Amino acid sequence: QSLTMVAAVGGVILFVSALAFLTVVVATWLAGRRIEPPAFEFAVPLEPVTTTGVWDRFGLWTIVAVVLVAIAYVYPLYTLLTHPRYGSPPFQPF
């Protein structure tokens, strides 16, 4: 029963914090200061730009990101899905 009380207190804290967050969001949306966004200032290149660099290609960075995500997730998911059963016996409440 003590863990049920701890879970209830945690739920109340979570609900109050979510309510406070939504209050701030709505109040900012309705009564926020209206200011003019500053103008963007761009640097002027010293020499004329003739070609785009490899660092400016969005497709290259997309491929790099997909490869890194695959490296990070393929092996753990493979080992998780190939286990015949979980490491501990199942919990039986009754």
N, C-alpha and C. Protein backbone atom coordinates (compact mmCIF):
# COMPACT_ATOMS: atom_id res chain seq x y z
N GLN A 1 0.82 -1.20 0.00
CA GLN A 1 0.00 0.00 0.00
C GLN A 1 0.86 1.26 0.00
N SER A 2 2.06 1.19 0.56
CA SER A 2 2.91 2.38 0.59
C SER A 2 3.33 2.79 -0.82
N LEU A 3 3.56 1.83 -1.71
CA LEU A 3 3.93 2.18 -3.07
C LEU A 3 2.76 2.80 -3.83
N THR A 4 1.54 2.41 -3.49
CA THR A 4 0.38 3.03 -4.11
C THR A 4 0.29 4.49 -3.72
N MET A 5 0.61 4.79 -2.48
CA MET A 5 0.59 6.18 -2.02
C MET A 5 1.69 7.00 -2.71
N VAL A 6 2.86 6.40 -2.88
CA VAL A 6 3.95 7.09 -3.57
C VAL A 6 3.56 7.36 -5.02
N ALA A 7 2.93 6.39 -5.67
CA ALA A 7 2.48 6.58 -7.05
C ALA A 7 1.41 7.67 -7.13
N ALA A 8 0.52 7.72 -6.15
CA ALA A 8 -0.51 8.75 -6.14
C ALA A 8 0.10 10.14 -5.96
N VAL A 9 1.07 10.25 -5.08
CA VAL A 9 1.74 11.55 -4.88
C VAL A 9 2.47 11.96 -6.15
N GLY A 10 3.14 11.00 -6.79
CA GLY A 10 3.81 11.29 -8.06
C GLY A 10 2.84 11.73 -9.14
N GLY A 11 1.68 11.10 -9.19
CA GLY A 11 0.67 11.49 -10.16
C GLY A 11 0.14 12.89 -9.91
N VAL A 12 -0.05 13.24 -8.65
CA VAL A 12 -0.51 14.59 -8.31
C VAL A 12 0.54 15.63 -8.69
N ILE A 13 1.81 15.33 -8.39
CA ILE A 13 2.89 16.26 -8.75
C ILE A 13 2.97 16.43 -10.26
N LEU A 14 2.85 15.34 -10.99
CA LEU A 14 2.88 15.40 -12.45
C LEU A 14 1.71 16.20 -13.00
N PHE A 15 0.52 16.00 -12.44
CA PHE A 15 -0.66 16.73 -12.90
C PHE A 15 -0.52 18.23 -12.62
N VAL A 16 -0.05 18.58 -11.44
CA VAL A 16 0.11 20.00 -11.09
C VAL A 16 1.17 20.65 -11.98
N SER A 17 2.26 19.95 -12.25
CA SER A 17 3.29 20.53 -13.11
C SER A 17 2.79 20.69 -14.54
N ALA A 18 2.02 19.73 -15.05
CA ALA A 18 1.45 19.86 -16.39
C ALA A 18 0.46 21.01 -16.45
N LEU A 19 -0.33 21.17 -15.40
CA LEU A 19 -1.28 22.28 -15.35
C LEU A 19 -0.55 23.62 -15.32
N ALA A 20 0.54 23.71 -14.55
CA ALA A 20 1.32 24.95 -14.50
C ALA A 20 1.95 25.24 -15.86
N PHE A 21 2.45 24.21 -16.53
CA PHE A 21 3.04 24.39 -17.85
C PHE A 21 2.00 24.91 -18.84
N LEU A 22 0.83 24.29 -18.86
CA LEU A 22 -0.22 24.74 -19.78
C LEU A 22 -0.69 26.15 -19.46
N THR A 23 -0.72 26.50 -18.18
CA THR A 23 -1.10 27.86 -17.80
C THR A 23 -0.11 28.87 -18.35
N VAL A 24 1.17 28.58 -18.24
CA VAL A 24 2.20 29.48 -18.77
C VAL A 24 2.11 29.58 -20.29
N VAL A 25 1.88 28.45 -20.96
CA VAL A 25 1.79 28.47 -22.42
C VAL A 25 0.60 29.30 -22.88
N VAL A 26 -0.56 29.10 -22.27
CA VAL A 26 -1.75 29.85 -22.68
C VAL A 26 -1.61 31.33 -22.34
N ALA A 27 -1.06 31.64 -21.17
CA ALA A 27 -0.88 33.04 -20.79
C ALA A 27 0.11 33.74 -21.71
N THR A 28 1.16 33.05 -22.10
CA THR A 28 2.12 33.64 -23.03
C THR A 28 1.50 33.84 -24.40
N TRP A 29 0.69 32.89 -24.82
CA TRP A 29 0.05 32.99 -26.12
C TRP A 29 -0.96 34.14 -26.16
N LEU A 30 -1.70 34.32 -25.08
CA LEU A 30 -2.74 35.35 -25.06
C LEU A 30 -2.22 36.73 -24.72
N ALA A 31 -1.27 36.83 -23.80
CA ALA A 31 -0.85 38.14 -23.31
C ALA A 31 0.64 38.39 -23.49
N GLY A 32 1.28 37.67 -24.38
CA GLY A 32 2.71 37.86 -24.58
C GLY A 32 3.00 39.20 -25.23
N ARG A 33 4.23 39.68 -25.02
CA ARG A 33 4.63 40.95 -25.62
C ARG A 33 4.74 40.79 -27.13
N ARG A 34 4.23 41.76 -27.84
CA ARG A 34 4.34 41.75 -29.30
C ARG A 34 5.52 42.64 -29.67
N ILE A 35 6.59 42.01 -30.10
CA ILE A 35 7.77 42.79 -30.50
C ILE A 35 8.09 42.47 -31.95
N GLU A 36 8.69 43.42 -32.61
CA GLU A 36 9.10 43.23 -33.99
C GLU A 36 10.38 42.41 -34.02
N PRO A 37 10.40 41.32 -34.79
CA PRO A 37 11.63 40.53 -34.83
C PRO A 37 12.76 41.32 -35.49
N PRO A 38 13.98 41.15 -35.00
CA PRO A 38 15.09 41.91 -35.58
C PRO A 38 15.40 41.42 -36.99
N ALA A 39 15.94 42.31 -37.79
CA ALA A 39 16.30 41.96 -39.16
C ALA A 39 17.53 41.06 -39.15
N PHE A 40 17.55 40.13 -40.08
CA PHE A 40 18.71 39.24 -40.18
C PHE A 40 19.87 39.99 -40.82
N GLU A 41 21.04 39.80 -40.26
CA GLU A 41 22.24 40.39 -40.83
C GLU A 41 23.14 39.26 -41.31
N PHE A 42 23.49 39.32 -42.57
CA PHE A 42 24.34 38.29 -43.15
C PHE A 42 25.73 38.86 -43.41
N ALA A 43 26.73 38.02 -43.25
CA ALA A 43 28.10 38.44 -43.53
C ALA A 43 28.33 38.48 -45.04
N VAL A 44 29.13 39.41 -45.45
CA VAL A 44 29.48 39.53 -46.86
C VAL A 44 30.78 38.77 -47.10
N PRO A 45 30.81 37.85 -48.08
CA PRO A 45 32.04 37.09 -48.31
C PRO A 45 33.15 37.98 -48.86
N LEU A 46 34.39 37.67 -48.48
CA LEU A 46 35.53 38.45 -48.96
C LEU A 46 35.81 38.19 -50.43
N GLU A 47 35.59 36.95 -50.87
CA GLU A 47 35.80 36.59 -52.27
C GLU A 47 34.49 36.05 -52.83
N PRO A 48 34.27 36.16 -54.12
CA PRO A 48 33.03 35.62 -54.70
C PRO A 48 32.96 34.10 -54.55
N VAL A 49 31.78 33.61 -54.24
CA VAL A 49 31.57 32.18 -54.05
C VAL A 49 31.28 31.56 -55.41
N THR A 50 32.08 30.56 -55.77
CA THR A 50 31.90 29.94 -57.09
C THR A 50 31.18 28.61 -56.99
N THR A 51 31.46 27.82 -55.95
CA THR A 51 30.81 26.51 -55.81
C THR A 51 30.34 26.35 -54.37
N THR A 52 29.42 25.42 -54.19
CA THR A 52 29.00 25.10 -52.83
C THR A 52 29.91 24.03 -52.27
N GLY A 53 30.19 24.11 -51.01
CA GLY A 53 31.06 23.14 -50.37
C GLY A 53 30.32 21.87 -50.01
N VAL A 54 31.08 20.85 -49.65
CA VAL A 54 30.49 19.58 -49.28
C VAL A 54 29.71 19.71 -47.97
N TRP A 55 30.06 20.68 -47.15
CA TRP A 55 29.40 20.86 -45.86
C TRP A 55 28.01 21.47 -46.01
N ASP A 56 27.69 22.01 -47.18
CA ASP A 56 26.40 22.67 -47.40
C ASP A 56 25.36 21.76 -48.03
N ARG A 57 25.67 20.51 -48.23
CA ARG A 57 24.74 19.60 -48.89
C ARG A 57 23.86 18.91 -47.85
N PHE A 58 22.56 19.16 -47.95
CA PHE A 58 21.61 18.61 -46.98
C PHE A 58 21.46 17.10 -47.14
N GLY A 59 21.48 16.62 -48.35
CA GLY A 59 21.34 15.19 -48.59
C GLY A 59 22.47 14.38 -47.98
N LEU A 60 23.68 14.90 -48.04
CA LEU A 60 24.82 14.22 -47.44
C LEU A 60 24.63 14.07 -45.94
N TRP A 61 24.18 15.13 -45.28
CA TRP A 61 23.99 15.08 -43.83
C TRP A 61 22.82 14.18 -43.46
N THR A 62 21.82 14.09 -44.33
CA THR A 62 20.71 13.17 -44.08
C THR A 62 21.20 11.73 -44.13
N ILE A 63 22.03 11.42 -45.11
CA ILE A 63 22.58 10.06 -45.21
C ILE A 63 23.47 9.75 -44.01
N VAL A 64 24.29 10.71 -43.61
CA VAL A 64 25.16 10.51 -42.44
C VAL A 64 24.31 10.25 -41.19
N ALA A 65 23.23 11.01 -41.02
CA ALA A 65 22.36 10.83 -39.84
C ALA A 65 21.69 9.47 -39.86
N VAL A 66 21.20 9.03 -41.01
CA VAL A 66 20.54 7.73 -41.11
C VAL A 66 21.54 6.61 -40.82
N VAL A 67 22.75 6.72 -41.32
CA VAL A 67 23.77 5.70 -41.06
C VAL A 67 24.11 5.64 -39.57
N LEU A 68 24.26 6.80 -38.93
CA LEU A 68 24.57 6.81 -37.50
C LEU A 68 23.44 6.23 -36.67
N VAL A 69 22.20 6.53 -37.02
CA VAL A 69 21.06 5.95 -36.30
C VAL A 69 21.02 4.44 -36.50
N ALA A 70 21.29 3.99 -37.71
CA ALA A 70 21.32 2.55 -37.96
C ALA A 70 22.42 1.88 -37.15
N ILE A 71 23.59 2.49 -37.10
CA ILE A 71 24.69 1.92 -36.31
C ILE A 71 24.30 1.85 -34.84
N ALA A 72 23.60 2.86 -34.36
CA ALA A 72 23.25 2.90 -32.94
C ALA A 72 22.14 1.91 -32.58
N TYR A 73 21.19 1.66 -33.48
CA TYR A 73 20.01 0.89 -33.10
C TYR A 73 19.92 -0.52 -33.66
N VAL A 74 20.61 -0.84 -34.73
CA VAL A 74 20.43 -2.15 -35.36
C VAL A 74 20.89 -3.27 -34.44
N TYR A 75 22.08 -3.19 -33.89
CA TYR A 75 22.57 -4.29 -33.05
C TYR A 75 21.74 -4.48 -31.78
N PRO A 76 21.41 -3.42 -31.01
CA PRO A 76 20.56 -3.65 -29.83
C PRO A 76 19.19 -4.23 -30.17
N LEU A 77 18.57 -3.76 -31.24
CA LEU A 77 17.28 -4.31 -31.63
C LEU A 77 17.41 -5.75 -32.10
N TYR A 78 18.48 -6.06 -32.80
CA TYR A 78 18.70 -7.43 -33.25
C TYR A 78 18.86 -8.37 -32.05
N THR A 79 19.67 -7.97 -31.08
CA THR A 79 19.87 -8.84 -29.91
C THR A 79 18.59 -8.95 -29.09
N LEU A 80 17.81 -7.87 -29.03
CA LEU A 80 16.56 -7.92 -28.28
C LEU A 80 15.55 -8.85 -28.94
N LEU A 81 15.47 -8.82 -30.24
CA LEU A 81 14.48 -9.63 -30.95
C LEU A 81 14.89 -11.08 -31.14
N THR A 82 16.17 -11.40 -31.00
CA THR A 82 16.61 -12.78 -31.20
C THR A 82 16.65 -13.58 -29.92
N HIS A 83 16.44 -12.97 -28.76
CA HIS A 83 16.40 -13.74 -27.52
C HIS A 83 15.15 -14.61 -27.50
N PRO A 84 15.29 -15.88 -27.12
CA PRO A 84 14.11 -16.76 -27.12
C PRO A 84 13.13 -16.42 -26.00
N ARG A 85 13.62 -15.87 -24.89
CA ARG A 85 12.74 -15.52 -23.78
C ARG A 85 13.41 -14.43 -22.97
N TYR A 86 12.67 -13.87 -22.06
CA TYR A 86 13.22 -12.83 -21.20
C TYR A 86 14.18 -13.43 -20.19
N GLY A 87 15.02 -12.59 -19.60
CA GLY A 87 16.04 -13.07 -18.69
C GLY A 87 15.52 -13.51 -17.34
N SER A 88 14.32 -13.14 -16.98
CA SER A 88 13.76 -13.53 -15.69
C SER A 88 12.40 -14.19 -15.91
N PRO A 89 11.96 -15.00 -14.96
CA PRO A 89 10.64 -15.62 -15.11
C PRO A 89 9.54 -14.57 -15.02
N PRO A 90 8.39 -14.82 -15.62
CA PRO A 90 7.32 -13.83 -15.59
C PRO A 90 6.76 -13.64 -14.18
N PHE A 91 6.28 -12.43 -13.92
CA PHE A 91 5.68 -12.10 -12.64
C PHE A 91 4.24 -12.58 -12.62
N GLN A 92 3.87 -13.31 -11.58
CA GLN A 92 2.50 -13.80 -11.45
C GLN A 92 1.90 -13.18 -10.19
N PRO A 93 0.99 -12.23 -10.32
CA PRO A 93 0.46 -11.54 -9.15
C PRO A 93 -0.44 -12.40 -8.28
N PHE A 94 -1.06 -13.46 -8.82
CA PHE A 94 -1.97 -14.26 -8.01
C PHE A 94 -1.55 -15.70 -8.01
